[in-house]
Amino acid sequence: KNGGDVDVLYKTTKYLFNELEDDLILYPSHDYFLSNLKFSKTVDTNNEYRDSYIKRRESMDLDNEFILTTVKEEKRINPFFRLFDPEFKQKYPNMTEKELFLDFRSKRDKW
C-alpha cells in the first residue's frame, strides 16, 4: 500500500491531532508540502488559509527552501487533521472520521 497501513495511519493521525501541543514545530523529512496542499483542494475546496500556503510555497526555491509548520497550522491546512474538526466534518455528514480518513487516503494514493 502507498504510504503504509491505512489503519495505523488513521490511529496515528488521530493520536497526533489529540495529543500534540498546537505550538509544536513540524520539520519536513520530504518535501511533498506543495503537492499535499494542492491535493487538499480536492477534498477541502474553500480554505483560504491553505491557499495562502500554496502561494507562499510556489514563490519559494523548491529545492533549497522549506516551510516549517506547527500542529496548529496543520490542523488548518491538512485535510487528514481537518477531518477531526467538527465544523469541517459537517461537510461530510454521512461518514465517520475513519471512513473519511480512508476515503481521503485512497484519493491521495490515486492523485
PDB file of N, CA and C in Angstrom:
ATOM      1  N   LYS A   1       0.856  -1.191   0.000  1.00  0.00           N
ATOM      2  CA  LYS A   1       0.000   0.000   0.000  1.00  0.00           C
ATOM      3  C   LYS A   1       0.890   1.239   0.000  1.00  0.00           C
ATOM      4  N   ASN A   2       0.449   2.249  -0.723  1.00  0.00           N
ATOM      5  CA  ASN A   2       1.173   3.524  -0.706  1.00  0.00           C
ATOM      6  C   ASN A   2       1.063   4.153   0.677  1.00  0.00           C
ATOM      7  N   GLY A   3       2.196   4.554   1.227  1.00  0.00           N
ATOM      8  CA  GLY A   3       2.173   5.271   2.489  1.00  0.00           C
ATOM      9  C   GLY A   3       1.983   4.429   3.727  1.00  0.00           C
ATOM     10  N   GLY A   4       1.935   3.113   3.616  1.00  0.00           N
ATOM     11  CA  GLY A   4       1.825   2.269   4.795  1.00  0.00           C
ATOM     12  C   GLY A   4       0.407   1.800   5.063  1.00  0.00           C
ATOM     13  N   ASP A   5       0.237   1.150   6.203  1.00  0.00           N
ATOM     14  CA  ASP A   5      -1.050   0.599   6.620  1.00  0.00           C
ATOM     15  C   ASP A   5      -2.004   1.727   6.982  1.00  0.00           C
ATOM     16  N   VAL A   6      -3.108   1.822   6.262  1.00  0.00           N
ATOM     17  CA  VAL A   6      -4.025   2.940   6.422  1.00  0.00           C
ATOM     18  C   VAL A   6      -4.685   2.953   7.805  1.00  0.00           C
ATOM     19  N   ASP A   7      -4.921   1.789   8.412  1.00  0.00           N
ATOM     20  CA  ASP A   7      -5.496   1.759   9.760  1.00  0.00           C
ATOM     21  C   ASP A   7      -4.527   2.327  10.784  1.00  0.00           C
ATOM     22  N   VAL A   8      -3.259   2.005  10.640  1.00  0.00           N
ATOM     23  CA  VAL A   8      -2.232   2.549  11.536  1.00  0.00           C
ATOM     24  C   VAL A   8      -2.095   4.055  11.304  1.00  0.00           C
ATOM     25  N   LEU A   9      -2.135   4.472  10.049  1.00  0.00           N
ATOM     26  CA  LEU A   9      -2.053   5.911   9.744  1.00  0.00           C
ATOM     27  C   LEU A   9      -3.214   6.662  10.385  1.00  0.00           C
ATOM     28  N   TYR A  10      -4.406   6.093  10.305  1.00  0.00           N
ATOM     29  CA  TYR A  10      -5.572   6.735  10.916  1.00  0.00           C
ATOM     30  C   TYR A  10      -5.376   6.878  12.430  1.00  0.00           C
ATOM     31  N   LYS A  11      -5.013   5.786  13.086  1.00  0.00           N
ATOM     32  CA  LYS A  11      -4.825   5.824  14.542  1.00  0.00           C
ATOM     33  C   LYS A  11      -3.727   6.807  14.934  1.00  0.00           C
ATOM     34  N   THR A  12      -2.647   6.816  14.183  1.00  0.00           N
ATOM     35  CA  THR A  12      -1.529   7.718  14.473  1.00  0.00           C
ATOM     36  C   THR A  12      -1.949   9.170  14.282  1.00  0.00           C
ATOM     37  N   THR A  13      -2.642   9.451  13.180  1.00  0.00           N
ATOM     38  CA  THR A  13      -3.074  10.822  12.906  1.00  0.00           C
ATOM     39  C   THR A  13      -4.039  11.307  13.974  1.00  0.00           C
ATOM     40  N   LYS A  14      -4.979  10.467  14.356  1.00  0.00           N
ATOM     41  CA  LYS A  14      -5.933  10.864  15.395  1.00  0.00           C
ATOM     42  C   LYS A  14      -5.212  11.106  16.723  1.00  0.00           C
ATOM     43  N   TYR A  15      -4.267  10.244  17.050  1.00  0.00           N
ATOM     44  CA  TYR A  15      -3.480  10.421  18.266  1.00  0.00           C
ATOM     45  C   TYR A  15      -2.730  11.744  18.212  1.00  0.00           C
ATOM     46  N   LEU A  16      -2.064  11.996  17.084  1.00  0.00           N
ATOM     47  CA  LEU A  16      -1.293  13.237  16.951  1.00  0.00           C
ATOM     48  C   LEU A  16      -2.201  14.451  17.069  1.00  0.00           C
ATOM     49  N   PHE A  17      -3.363  14.388  16.445  1.00  0.00           N
ATOM     50  CA  PHE A  17      -4.302  15.502  16.496  1.00  0.00           C
ATOM     51  C   PHE A  17      -4.702  15.815  17.935  1.00  0.00           C
ATOM     52  N   ASN A  18      -4.949  14.784  18.701  1.00  0.00           N
ATOM     53  CA  ASN A  18      -5.449  14.975  20.066  1.00  0.00           C
ATOM     54  C   ASN A  18      -4.362  15.201  21.103  1.00  0.00           C
ATOM     55  N   GLU A  19      -3.165  14.706  20.867  1.00  0.00           N
ATOM     56  CA  GLU A  19      -2.151  14.704  21.922  1.00  0.00           C
ATOM     57  C   GLU A  19      -1.040  15.745  21.772  1.00  0.00           C
ATOM     58  N   LEU A  20      -0.735  16.155  20.561  1.00  0.00           N
ATOM     59  CA  LEU A  20       0.383  17.075  20.378  1.00  0.00           C
ATOM     60  C   LEU A  20      -0.025  18.511  20.667  1.00  0.00           C
ATOM     61  N   GLU A  21       0.887  19.251  21.268  1.00  0.00           N
ATOM     62  CA  GLU A  21       0.650  20.664  21.559  1.00  0.00           C
ATOM     63  C   GLU A  21       0.562  21.452  20.254  1.00  0.00           C
ATOM     64  N   ASP A  22      -0.332  22.421  20.195  1.00  0.00           N
ATOM     65  CA  ASP A  22      -0.527  23.204  18.980  1.00  0.00           C
ATOM     66  C   ASP A  22       0.728  23.958  18.527  1.00  0.00           C
ATOM     67  N   ASP A  23       1.575  24.338  19.469  1.00  0.00           N
ATOM     68  CA  ASP A  23       2.752  25.128  19.092  1.00  0.00           C
ATOM     69  C   ASP A  23       3.976  24.275  18.736  1.00  0.00           C
ATOM     70  N   LEU A  24       3.814  22.960  18.716  1.00  0.00           N
ATOM     71  CA  LEU A  24       4.906  22.071  18.335  1.00  0.00           C
ATOM     72  C   LEU A  24       5.267  22.296  16.867  1.00  0.00           C
ATOM     73  N   ILE A  25       6.545  22.523  16.589  1.00  0.00           N
ATOM     74  CA  ILE A  25       7.014  22.770  15.221  1.00  0.00           C
ATOM     75  C   ILE A  25       7.261  21.439  14.525  1.00  0.00           C
ATOM     76  N   LEU A  26       6.784  21.350  13.299  1.00  0.00           N
ATOM     77  CA  LEU A  26       6.959  20.151  12.480  1.00  0.00           C
ATOM     78  C   LEU A  26       7.985  20.444  11.386  1.00  0.00           C
ATOM     79  N   TYR A  27       8.980  19.584  11.298  1.00  0.00           N
ATOM     80  CA  TYR A  27      10.039  19.718  10.300  1.00  0.00           C
ATOM     81  C   TYR A  27       9.801  18.684   9.203  1.00  0.00           C
ATOM     82  N   PRO A  28       9.800  19.103   7.941  1.00  0.00           N
ATOM     83  CA  PRO A  28       9.553  18.140   6.871  1.00  0.00           C
ATOM     84  C   PRO A  28      10.739  17.199   6.674  1.00  0.00           C
ATOM     85  N   SER A  29      10.445  15.930   6.449  1.00  0.00           N
ATOM     86  CA  SER A  29      11.519  14.997   6.123  1.00  0.00           C
ATOM     87  C   SER A  29      11.586  14.806   4.615  1.00  0.00           C
ATOM     88  N   HIS A  30      10.478  15.024   3.952  1.00  0.00           N
ATOM     89  CA  HIS A  30      10.391  15.012   2.492  1.00  0.00           C
ATOM     90  C   HIS A  30       9.576  16.233   2.119  1.00  0.00           C
ATOM     91  N   ASP A  31       9.851  16.810   0.974  1.00  0.00           N
ATOM     92  CA  ASP A  31       9.076  17.993   0.610  1.00  0.00           C
ATOM     93  C   ASP A  31       7.966  17.652  -0.363  1.00  0.00           C
ATOM     94  N   TYR A  32       6.888  17.116   0.194  1.00  0.00           N
ATOM     95  CA  TYR A  32       5.664  16.905  -0.565  1.00  0.00           C
ATOM     96  C   TYR A  32       4.637  17.975  -0.202  1.00  0.00           C
ATOM     97  N   PHE A  33       5.088  18.994   0.464  1.00  0.00           N
ATOM     98  CA  PHE A  33       4.192  20.008   1.024  1.00  0.00           C
ATOM     99  C   PHE A  33       3.300  20.628  -0.045  1.00  0.00           C
ATOM    100  N   LEU A  34       3.882  21.105  -1.133  1.00  0.00           N
ATOM    101  CA  LEU A  34       3.089  21.756  -2.166  1.00  0.00           C
ATOM    102  C   LEU A  34       2.114  20.772  -2.802  1.00  0.00           C
ATOM    103  N   SER A  35       2.572  19.591  -3.097  1.00  0.00           N
ATOM    104  CA  SER A  35       1.701  18.566  -3.669  1.00  0.00           C
ATOM    105  C   SER A  35       0.557  18.237  -2.719  1.00  0.00           C
ATOM    106  N   ASN A  36       0.851  18.101  -1.442  1.00  0.00           N
ATOM    107  CA  ASN A  36      -0.189  17.802  -0.453  1.00  0.00           C
ATOM    108  C   ASN A  36      -1.193  18.942  -0.333  1.00  0.00           C
ATOM    109  N   LEU A  37      -0.691  20.167  -0.389  1.00  0.00           N
ATOM    110  CA  LEU A  37      -1.600  21.313  -0.326  1.00  0.00           C
ATOM    111  C   LEU A  37      -2.531  21.337  -1.536  1.00  0.00           C
ATOM    112  N   LYS A  38      -1.980  21.038  -2.697  1.00  0.00           N
ATOM    113  CA  LYS A  38      -2.810  21.023  -3.909  1.00  0.00           C
ATOM    114  C   LYS A  38      -3.823  19.878  -3.864  1.00  0.00           C
ATOM    115  N   PHE A  39      -3.403  18.730  -3.356  1.00  0.00           N
ATOM    116  CA  PHE A  39      -4.371  17.641  -3.174  1.00  0.00           C
ATOM    117  C   PHE A  39      -5.495  18.085  -2.242  1.00  0.00           C
ATOM    118  N   SER A  40      -5.144  18.790  -1.192  1.00  0.00           N
ATOM    119  CA  SER A  40      -6.125  19.246  -0.211  1.00  0.00           C
ATOM    120  C   SER A  40      -7.288  19.975  -0.866  1.00  0.00           C
ATOM    121  N   LYS A  41      -7.016  20.676  -1.951  1.00  0.00           N
ATOM    122  CA  LYS A  41      -8.075  21.420  -2.642  1.00  0.00           C
ATOM    123  C   LYS A  41      -9.156  20.492  -3.204  1.00  0.00           C
ATOM    124  N   THR A  42      -8.834  19.219  -3.410  1.00  0.00           N
ATOM    125  CA  THR A  42      -9.822  18.291  -3.962  1.00  0.00           C
ATOM    126  C   THR A  42     -10.823  17.811  -2.916  1.00  0.00           C
ATOM    127  N   VAL A  43     -10.468  17.899  -1.644  1.00  0.00           N
ATOM    128  CA  VAL A  43     -11.368  17.427  -0.578  1.00  0.00           C
ATOM    129  C   VAL A  43     -11.778  18.545   0.384  1.00  0.00           C
ATOM    130  N   ASP A  44     -11.144  19.693   0.240  1.00  0.00           N
ATOM    131  CA  ASP A  44     -11.398  20.847   1.107  1.00  0.00           C
ATOM    132  C   ASP A  44     -11.363  22.085   0.216  1.00  0.00           C
ATOM    133  N   THR A  45     -12.453  22.316  -0.493  1.00  0.00           N
ATOM    134  CA  THR A  45     -12.435  23.292  -1.579  1.00  0.00           C
ATOM    135  C   THR A  45     -12.293  24.742  -1.136  1.00  0.00           C
ATOM    136  N   ASN A  46     -12.854  25.109  -0.019  1.00  0.00           N
ATOM    137  CA  ASN A  46     -12.827  26.508   0.413  1.00  0.00           C
ATOM    138  C   ASN A  46     -11.980  26.672   1.662  1.00  0.00           C
ATOM    139  N   ASN A  47     -10.697  26.875   1.440  1.00  0.00           N
ATOM    140  CA  ASN A  47      -9.786  27.023   2.572  1.00  0.00           C
ATOM    141  C   ASN A  47      -8.751  28.087   2.198  1.00  0.00           C
ATOM    142  N   GLU A  48      -9.073  29.323   2.505  1.00  0.00           N
ATOM    143  CA  GLU A  48      -8.190  30.431   2.157  1.00  0.00           C
ATOM    144  C   GLU A  48      -6.851  30.348   2.885  1.00  0.00           C
ATOM    145  N   TYR A  49      -6.872  29.842   4.084  1.00  0.00           N
ATOM    146  CA  TYR A  49      -5.635  29.700   4.849  1.00  0.00           C
ATOM    147  C   TYR A  49      -4.675  28.767   4.110  1.00  0.00           C
ATOM    148  N   ARG A  50      -5.181  27.637   3.658  1.00  0.00           N
ATOM    149  CA  ARG A  50      -4.377  26.697   2.882  1.00  0.00           C
ATOM    150  C   ARG A  50      -3.900  27.334   1.585  1.00  0.00           C
ATOM    151  N   ASP A  51      -4.791  28.063   0.924  1.00  0.00           N
ATOM    152  CA  ASP A  51      -4.430  28.702  -0.342  1.00  0.00           C
ATOM    153  C   ASP A  51      -3.283  29.691  -0.176  1.00  0.00           C
ATOM    154  N   SER A  52      -3.229  30.349   0.971  1.00  0.00           N
ATOM    155  CA  SER A  52      -2.110  31.272   1.217  1.00  0.00           C
ATOM    156  C   SER A  52      -0.787  30.505   1.332  1.00  0.00           C
ATOM    157  N   TYR A  53      -0.833  29.300   1.868  1.00  0.00           N
ATOM    158  CA  TYR A  53       0.376  28.465   1.934  1.00  0.00           C
ATOM    159  C   TYR A  53       0.804  28.012   0.534  1.00  0.00           C
ATOM    160  N   ILE A  54      -0.145  27.722  -0.321  1.00  0.00           N
ATOM    161  CA  ILE A  54       0.190  27.341  -1.690  1.00  0.00           C
ATOM    162  C   ILE A  54       0.930  28.490  -2.373  1.00  0.00           C
ATOM    163  N   LYS A  55       0.395  29.694  -2.278  1.00  0.00           N
ATOM    164  CA  LYS A  55       1.044  30.859  -2.891  1.00  0.00           C
ATOM    165  C   LYS A  55       2.438  31.067  -2.318  1.00  0.00           C
ATOM    166  N   ARG A  56       2.541  30.952  -1.018  1.00  0.00           N
ATOM    167  CA  ARG A  56       3.846  31.137  -0.363  1.00  0.00           C
ATOM    168  C   ARG A  56       4.856  30.099  -0.846  1.00  0.00           C
ATOM    169  N   ARG A  57       4.443  28.836  -0.889  1.00  0.00           N
ATOM    170  CA  ARG A  57       5.363  27.766  -1.299  1.00  0.00           C
ATOM    171  C   ARG A  57       5.749  27.885  -2.768  1.00  0.00           C
ATOM    172  N   GLU A  58       4.810  28.267  -3.609  1.00  0.00           N
ATOM    173  CA  GLU A  58       5.104  28.408  -5.034  1.00  0.00           C
ATOM    174  C   GLU A  58       6.095  29.531  -5.309  1.00  0.00           C
ATOM    175  N   SER A  59       6.190  30.486  -4.405  1.00  0.00           N
ATOM    176  CA  SER A  59       7.111  31.610  -4.600  1.00  0.00           C
ATOM    177  C   SER A  59       8.521  31.315  -4.078  1.00  0.00           C
ATOM    178  N   MET A  60       8.712  30.140  -3.501  1.00  0.00           N
ATOM    179  CA  MET A  60       9.998  29.789  -2.893  1.00  0.00           C
ATOM    180  C   MET A  60      10.850  28.957  -3.857  1.00  0.00           C
ATOM    181  N   ASP A  61      12.128  28.866  -3.532  1.00  0.00           N
ATOM    182  CA  ASP A  61      13.042  27.953  -4.225  1.00  0.00           C
ATOM    183  C   ASP A  61      12.724  26.551  -3.709  1.00  0.00           C
ATOM    184  N   LEU A  62      12.057  25.741  -4.528  1.00  0.00           N
ATOM    185  CA  LEU A  62      11.549  24.449  -4.077  1.00  0.00           C
ATOM    186  C   LEU A  62      12.642  23.461  -3.713  1.00  0.00           C
ATOM    187  N   ASP A  63      13.850  23.664  -4.210  1.00  0.00           N
ATOM    188  CA  ASP A  63      14.953  22.746  -3.910  1.00  0.00           C
ATOM    189  C   ASP A  63      15.735  23.126  -2.658  1.00  0.00           C
ATOM    190  N   ASN A  64      15.665  24.389  -2.273  1.00  0.00           N
ATOM    191  CA  ASN A  64      16.533  24.854  -1.188  1.00  0.00           C
ATOM    192  C   ASN A  64      15.823  25.520  -0.026  1.00  0.00           C
ATOM    193  N   GLU A  65      14.535  25.766  -0.157  1.00  0.00           N
ATOM    194  CA  GLU A  65      13.785  26.403   0.917  1.00  0.00           C
ATOM    195  C   GLU A  65      12.622  25.502   1.325  1.00  0.00           C
ATOM    196  N   PHE A  66      12.327  25.497   2.594  1.00  0.00           N
ATOM    197  CA  PHE A  66      11.263  24.660   3.122  1.00  0.00           C
ATOM    198  C   PHE A  66      10.405  25.460   4.084  1.00  0.00           C
ATOM    199  N   ILE A  67       9.216  24.994   4.301  1.00  0.00           N
ATOM    200  CA  ILE A  67       8.311  25.635   5.253  1.00  0.00           C
ATOM    201  C   ILE A  67       8.172  24.720   6.462  1.00  0.00           C
ATOM    202  N   LEU A  68       8.399  25.278   7.617  1.00  0.00           N
ATOM    203  CA  LEU A  68       8.117  24.582   8.869  1.00  0.00           C
ATOM    204  C   LEU A  68       6.710  24.980   9.281  1.00  0.00           C
ATOM    205  N   THR A  69       5.969  24.040   9.802  1.00  0.00           N
ATOM    206  CA  THR A  69       4.619  24.338  10.275  1.00  0.00           C
ATOM    207  C   THR A  69       4.514  23.921  11.741  1.00  0.00           C
ATOM    208  N   THR A  70       3.427  24.306  12.335  1.00  0.00           N
ATOM    209  CA  THR A  70       3.107  23.853  13.684  1.00  0.00           C
ATOM    210  C   THR A  70       1.902  22.919  13.591  1.00  0.00           C
ATOM    211  N   VAL A  71       1.665  22.214  14.656  1.00  0.00           N
ATOM    212  CA  VAL A  71       0.484  21.349  14.703  1.00  0.00           C
ATOM    213  C   VAL A  71      -0.773  22.188  14.475  1.00  0.00           C
ATOM    214  N   LYS A  72      -0.828  23.365  15.063  1.00  0.00           N
ATOM    215  CA  LYS A  72      -1.986  24.241  14.882  1.00  0.00           C
ATOM    216  C   LYS A  72      -2.193  24.594  13.410  1.00  0.00           C
ATOM    217  N   GLU A  73      -1.112  24.898  12.712  1.00  0.00           N
ATOM    218  CA  GLU A  73      -1.234  25.215  11.290  1.00  0.00           C
ATOM    219  C   GLU A  73      -1.688  23.998  10.490  1.00  0.00           C
ATOM    220  N   GLU A  74      -1.143  22.841  10.810  1.00  0.00           N
ATOM    221  CA  GLU A  74      -1.543  21.616  10.113  1.00  0.00           C
ATOM    222  C   GLU A  74      -3.031  21.331  10.313  1.00  0.00           C
ATOM    223  N   LYS A  75      -3.540  21.659  11.484  1.00  0.00           N
ATOM    224  CA  LYS A  75      -4.967  21.467  11.754  1.00  0.00           C
ATOM    225  C   LYS A  75      -5.826  22.368  10.865  1.00  0.00           C
ATOM    226  N   ARG A  76      -5.230  23.408  10.317  1.00  0.00           N
ATOM    227  CA  ARG A  76      -5.969  24.331   9.453  1.00  0.00           C
ATOM    228  C   ARG A  76      -5.777  24.035   7.965  1.00  0.00           C
ATOM    229  N   ILE A  77      -4.693  23.337   7.598  1.00  0.00           N
ATOM    230  CA  ILE A  77      -4.393  23.145   6.174  1.00  0.00           C
ATOM    231  C   ILE A  77      -4.372  21.690   5.723  1.00  0.00           C
ATOM    232  N   ASN A  78      -4.219  20.768   6.640  1.00  0.00           N
ATOM    233  CA  ASN A  78      -4.043  19.363   6.310  1.00  0.00           C
ATOM    234  C   ASN A  78      -5.388  18.644   6.428  1.00  0.00           C
ATOM    235  N   PRO A  79      -5.934  18.137   5.315  1.00  0.00           N
ATOM    236  CA  PRO A  79      -7.266  17.511   5.394  1.00  0.00           C
ATOM    237  C   PRO A  79      -7.296  16.290   6.309  1.00  0.00           C
ATOM    238  N   PHE A  80      -6.156  15.642   6.520  1.00  0.00           N
ATOM    239  CA  PHE A  80      -6.129  14.470   7.403  1.00  0.00           C
ATOM    240  C   PHE A  80      -6.216  14.881   8.872  1.00  0.00           C
ATOM    241  N   PHE A  81      -5.897  16.121   9.192  1.00  0.00           N
ATOM    242  CA  PHE A  81      -6.147  16.668  10.521  1.00  0.00           C
ATOM    243  C   PHE A  81      -7.502  17.362  10.561  1.00  0.00           C
ATOM    244  N   ARG A  82      -7.863  18.022   9.476  1.00  0.00           N
ATOM    245  CA  ARG A  82      -9.127  18.775   9.453  1.00  0.00           C
ATOM    246  C   ARG A  82     -10.345  17.873   9.638  1.00  0.00           C
ATOM    247  N   LEU A  83     -10.249  16.629   9.244  1.00  0.00           N
ATOM    248  CA  LEU A  83     -11.421  15.761   9.365  1.00  0.00           C
ATOM    249  C   LEU A  83     -11.811  15.510  10.816  1.00  0.00           C
ATOM    250  N   PHE A  84     -10.952  15.848  11.764  1.00  0.00           N
ATOM    251  CA  PHE A  84     -11.293  15.728  13.186  1.00  0.00           C
ATOM    252  C   PHE A  84     -11.940  17.004  13.732  1.00  0.00           C
ATOM    253  N   ASP A  85     -12.023  18.040  12.901  1.00  0.00           N
ATOM    254  CA  ASP A  85     -12.653  19.304  13.277  1.00  0.00           C
ATOM    255  C   ASP A  85     -14.157  19.188  13.015  1.00  0.00           C
ATOM    256  N   PRO A  86     -14.992  19.347  14.048  1.00  0.00           N
ATOM    257  CA  PRO A  86     -16.440  19.168  13.865  1.00  0.00           C
ATOM    258  C   PRO A  86     -17.029  20.059  12.766  1.00  0.00           C
ATOM    259  N   GLU A  87     -16.528  21.280  12.636  1.00  0.00           N
ATOM    260  CA  GLU A  87     -17.050  22.174  11.597  1.00  0.00           C
ATOM    261  C   GLU A  87     -16.726  21.633  10.195  1.00  0.00           C
ATOM    262  N   PHE A  88     -15.495  21.189   9.997  1.00  0.00           N
ATOM    263  CA  PHE A  88     -15.108  20.607   8.714  1.00  0.00           C
ATOM    264  C   PHE A  88     -15.883  19.310   8.466  1.00  0.00           C
ATOM    265  N   LYS A  89     -16.022  18.506   9.484  1.00  0.00           N
ATOM    266  CA  LYS A  89     -16.697  17.205   9.376  1.00  0.00           C
ATOM    267  C   LYS A  89     -18.133  17.365   8.898  1.00  0.00           C
ATOM    268  N   GLN A  90     -18.749  18.508   9.157  1.00  0.00           N
ATOM    269  CA  GLN A  90     -20.130  18.753   8.713  1.00  0.00           C
ATOM    270  C   GLN A  90     -20.257  18.702   7.190  1.00  0.00           C
ATOM    271  N   LYS A  91     -19.168  18.907   6.480  1.00  0.00           N
ATOM    272  CA  LYS A  91     -19.189  18.823   5.017  1.00  0.00           C
ATOM    273  C   LYS A  91     -19.408  17.388   4.549  1.00  0.00           C
ATOM    274  N   TYR A  92     -19.159  16.436   5.430  1.00  0.00           N
ATOM    275  CA  TYR A  92     -19.265  15.012   5.115  1.00  0.00           C
ATOM    276  C   TYR A  92     -20.118  14.315   6.182  1.00  0.00           C
ATOM    277  N   PRO A  93     -21.401  14.658   6.279  1.00  0.00           N
ATOM    278  CA  PRO A  93     -22.224  14.178   7.405  1.00  0.00           C
ATOM    279  C   PRO A  93     -22.491  12.678   7.422  1.00  0.00           C
ATOM    280  N   ASN A  94     -22.337  12.004   6.299  1.00  0.00           N
ATOM    281  CA  ASN A  94     -22.681  10.578   6.242  1.00  0.00           C
ATOM    282  C   ASN A  94     -21.485   9.663   6.421  1.00  0.00           C
ATOM    283  N   MET A  95     -20.362  10.213   6.844  1.00  0.00           N
ATOM    284  CA  MET A  95     -19.152   9.404   7.001  1.00  0.00           C
ATOM    285  C   MET A  95     -18.581   9.580   8.405  1.00  0.00           C
ATOM    286  N   THR A  96     -18.091   8.495   8.968  1.00  0.00           N
ATOM    287  CA  THR A  96     -17.374   8.585  10.242  1.00  0.00           C
ATOM    288  C   THR A  96     -15.998   9.181   9.967  1.00  0.00           C
ATOM    289  N   GLU A  97     -15.304   9.571  11.028  1.00  0.00           N
ATOM    290  CA  GLU A  97     -13.939  10.083  10.868  1.00  0.00           C
ATOM    291  C   GLU A  97     -13.059   9.067  10.153  1.00  0.00           C
ATOM    292  N   LYS A  98     -13.164   7.825  10.564  1.00  0.00           N
ATOM    293  CA  LYS A  98     -12.314   6.796   9.963  1.00  0.00           C
ATOM    294  C   LYS A  98     -12.680   6.571   8.491  1.00  0.00           C
ATOM    295  N   GLU A  99     -13.953   6.521   8.174  1.00  0.00           N
ATOM    296  CA  GLU A  99     -14.357   6.372   6.773  1.00  0.00           C
ATOM    297  C   GLU A  99     -13.845   7.537   5.934  1.00  0.00           C
ATOM    298  N   LEU A 100     -13.927   8.723   6.494  1.00  0.00           N
ATOM    299  CA  LEU A 100     -13.446   9.914   5.800  1.00  0.00           C
ATOM    300  C   LEU A 100     -11.937   9.848   5.600  1.00  0.00           C
ATOM    301  N   PHE A 101     -11.222   9.440   6.632  1.00  0.00           N
ATOM    302  CA  PHE A 101      -9.773   9.286   6.522  1.00  0.00           C
ATOM    303  C   PHE A 101      -9.429   8.282   5.425  1.00  0.00           C
ATOM    304  N   LEU A 102     -10.094   7.133   5.429  1.00  0.00           N
ATOM    305  CA  LEU A 102      -9.840   6.105   4.419  1.00  0.00           C
ATOM    306  C   LEU A 102     -10.151   6.622   3.020  1.00  0.00           C
ATOM    307  N   ASP A 103     -11.218   7.362   2.894  1.00  0.00           N
ATOM    308  CA  ASP A 103     -11.588   7.944   1.603  1.00  0.00           C
ATOM    309  C   ASP A 103     -10.522   8.927   1.125  1.00  0.00           C
ATOM    310  N   PHE A 104     -10.102   9.844   2.014  1.00  0.00           N
ATOM    311  CA  PHE A 104      -9.067  10.818   1.653  1.00  0.00           C
ATOM    312  C   PHE A 104      -7.772  10.105   1.274  1.00  0.00           C
ATOM    313  N   ARG A 105      -7.398   9.102   2.046  1.00  0.00           N
ATOM    314  CA  ARG A 105      -6.152   8.372   1.774  1.00  0.00           C
ATOM    315  C   ARG A 105      -6.213   7.676   0.427  1.00  0.00           C
ATOM    316  N   SER A 106      -7.333   7.071   0.127  1.00  0.00           N
ATOM    317  CA  SER A 106      -7.499   6.408  -1.165  1.00  0.00           C
ATOM    318  C   SER A 106      -7.396   7.413  -2.314  1.00  0.00           C
ATOM    319  N   LYS A 107      -8.037   8.543  -2.143  1.00  0.00           N
ATOM    320  CA  LYS A 107      -7.964   9.591  -3.169  1.00  0.00           C
ATOM    321  C   LYS A 107      -6.537  10.117  -3.306  1.00  0.00           C
ATOM    322  N   ARG A 108      -5.845  10.283  -2.186  1.00  0.00           N
ATOM    323  CA  ARG A 108      -4.472  10.788  -2.241  1.00  0.00           C
ATOM    324  C   ARG A 108      -3.556   9.786  -2.915  1.00  0.00           C
ATOM    325  N   ASP A 109      -3.753   8.509  -2.657  1.00  0.00           N
ATOM    326  CA  ASP A 109      -2.941   7.472  -3.286  1.00  0.00           C
ATOM    327  C   ASP A 109      -3.089   7.488  -4.805  1.00  0.00           C
ATOM    328  N   LYS A 110      -4.259   7.862  -5.291  1.00  0.00           N
ATOM    329  CA  LYS A 110      -4.537   7.865  -6.736  1.00  0.00           C
ATOM    330  C   LYS A 110      -4.274   9.217  -7.383  1.00  0.00           C
ATOM    331  N   TRP A 111      -4.098  10.256  -6.587  1.00  0.00           N
ATOM    332  CA  TRP A 111      -3.986  11.613  -7.111  1.00  0.00           C
ATOM    333  C   TRP A 111      -2.684  11.881  -7.771  1.00  0.00           C
TER     334      TRP A 111
END
